[in-house]
Amino acid sequence: MYGIGHWTFLTNHAHVLLCIARDPDLRLREIAELVGITERAAQRIVRELADEGYVEITRTGRRNHYTVLADQPLRHPVEAGTSVHDLILLAVGVKV
């Protein structure tokens, strides 16, 4: 599925964040498909990212638009001094 082995370098939270950075108008179903998780798991992760101040959700009609709050620091001590912007730029080359 992901190549040799069954693990990846990034967490599902990071994968969801990167999907949103690439396309802020994705539906949860599309995010789930891209990450390889259930729609319910994608919904939970997006809610956690929003609750912790990494993503802002704006309702536009029947759809959501997501804004990555790129100035936020990454949470683990190993990434001290690294922002969400740095991760996104490194991983997908998208400026947010």
Protein backbone atom coordinates (compact mmCIF):
# COMPACT_ATOMS: atom_id res chain seq x y z
CA MET A 1 0.00 0.00 0.00
CA TYR A 2 2.72 2.53 0.97
CA GLY A 3 5.70 0.63 -0.44
CA ILE A 4 8.05 -1.59 1.51
CA GLY A 5 6.90 -2.03 5.10
CA HIS A 6 3.73 -0.76 6.68
CA TRP A 7 4.81 2.43 8.39
CA THR A 8 5.26 6.03 7.31
CA PHE A 9 7.37 8.87 8.64
CA LEU A 10 4.44 11.16 9.41
CA THR A 11 1.36 10.69 11.57
CA ASN A 12 -2.19 10.76 10.28
CA HIS A 13 -2.54 14.22 11.85
CA ALA A 14 0.36 15.46 9.72
CA HIS A 15 -1.07 13.76 6.62
CA VAL A 16 -4.46 15.44 7.16
CA LEU A 17 -2.78 18.81 7.72
CA LEU A 18 -0.77 18.43 4.51
CA CYS A 19 -3.91 17.50 2.55
CA ILE A 20 -5.64 20.62 3.84
CA ALA A 21 -2.61 22.75 2.97
CA ARG A 22 -2.69 21.44 -0.60
CA ASP A 23 -6.43 21.92 -1.02
CA PRO A 24 -8.35 23.80 1.69
CA ASP A 25 -11.69 22.91 0.09
CA LEU A 26 -11.35 19.12 0.25
CA ARG A 27 -14.27 17.22 1.73
CA LEU A 28 -13.66 14.96 4.71
CA ARG A 29 -14.37 11.95 2.51
CA GLU A 30 -11.61 13.03 0.12
CA ILE A 31 -9.16 13.66 2.96
CA ALA A 32 -9.92 10.21 4.36
CA GLU A 33 -9.32 8.56 0.99
CA LEU A 34 -6.02 10.37 0.47
CA VAL A 35 -4.72 9.55 3.95
CA GLY A 36 -6.07 5.99 3.95
CA ILE A 37 -8.29 6.35 7.02
CA THR A 38 -12.02 6.32 7.66
CA GLU A 39 -14.11 9.44 7.20
CA ARG A 40 -14.89 9.37 10.92
CA ALA A 41 -11.15 9.32 11.74
CA ALA A 42 -10.58 12.23 9.34
CA GLN A 43 -13.39 14.16 11.02
CA ARG A 44 -11.88 13.51 14.47
CA ILE A 45 -8.40 14.59 13.36
CA VAL A 46 -9.67 17.79 11.71
CA ARG A 47 -11.63 18.60 14.87
CA GLU A 48 -8.53 17.99 17.03
CA LEU A 49 -6.41 20.18 14.74
CA ALA A 50 -9.05 22.91 14.98
CA ASP A 51 -9.42 22.59 18.75
CA GLU A 52 -5.64 22.93 19.20
CA GLY A 53 -5.42 25.98 16.92
CA TYR A 54 -3.75 24.43 13.87
CA VAL A 55 -6.72 24.66 11.50
CA GLU A 56 -9.60 27.10 11.25
CA ILE A 57 -12.90 25.83 9.82
CA THR A 58 -15.20 28.20 7.94
CA ARG A 59 -18.60 27.03 6.81
CA THR A 60 -19.41 28.15 3.25
CA GLY A 61 -22.91 27.04 2.33
CA ARG A 62 -22.97 23.27 2.75
CA ARG A 63 -19.17 22.92 2.58
CA ASN A 64 -16.26 23.61 4.87
CA HIS A 65 -13.21 25.66 3.96
CA TYR A 66 -10.10 25.00 6.02
CA THR A 67 -7.33 27.46 6.81
CA VAL A 68 -4.02 26.17 8.14
CA LEU A 69 -2.68 28.41 10.90
CA ALA A 70 0.91 28.08 9.76
CA ASP A 71 2.63 30.08 12.49
CA GLN A 72 1.81 27.46 15.11
CA PRO A 73 4.78 25.49 16.47
CA LEU A 74 5.02 21.74 16.07
CA ARG A 75 4.21 19.98 19.34
CA HIS A 76 7.03 17.53 19.98
CA PRO A 77 10.26 18.68 21.70
CA VAL A 78 12.30 17.19 18.84
CA GLU A 79 10.71 19.77 16.50
CA ALA A 80 11.21 22.70 18.89
CA GLY A 81 11.55 25.91 16.91
CA THR A 82 9.84 24.43 13.84
CA SER A 83 6.50 25.78 12.67
CA VAL A 84 3.65 24.20 10.76
CA HIS A 85 4.71 26.39 7.84
CA ASP A 86 8.17 24.78 7.87
CA LEU A 87 6.66 21.28 7.80
CA ILE A 88 4.29 22.08 4.95
CA LEU A 89 6.97 23.79 2.91
CA LEU A 90 9.34 20.86 3.39
CA ALA A 91 6.76 18.13 2.75
CA VAL A 92 4.71 19.52 -0.11
CA GLY A 93 6.35 22.77 -1.18
CA VAL A 94 3.19 24.79 -0.54
CA LYS A 95 3.47 28.20 1.11
CA VAL A 96 0.65 28.84 3.59
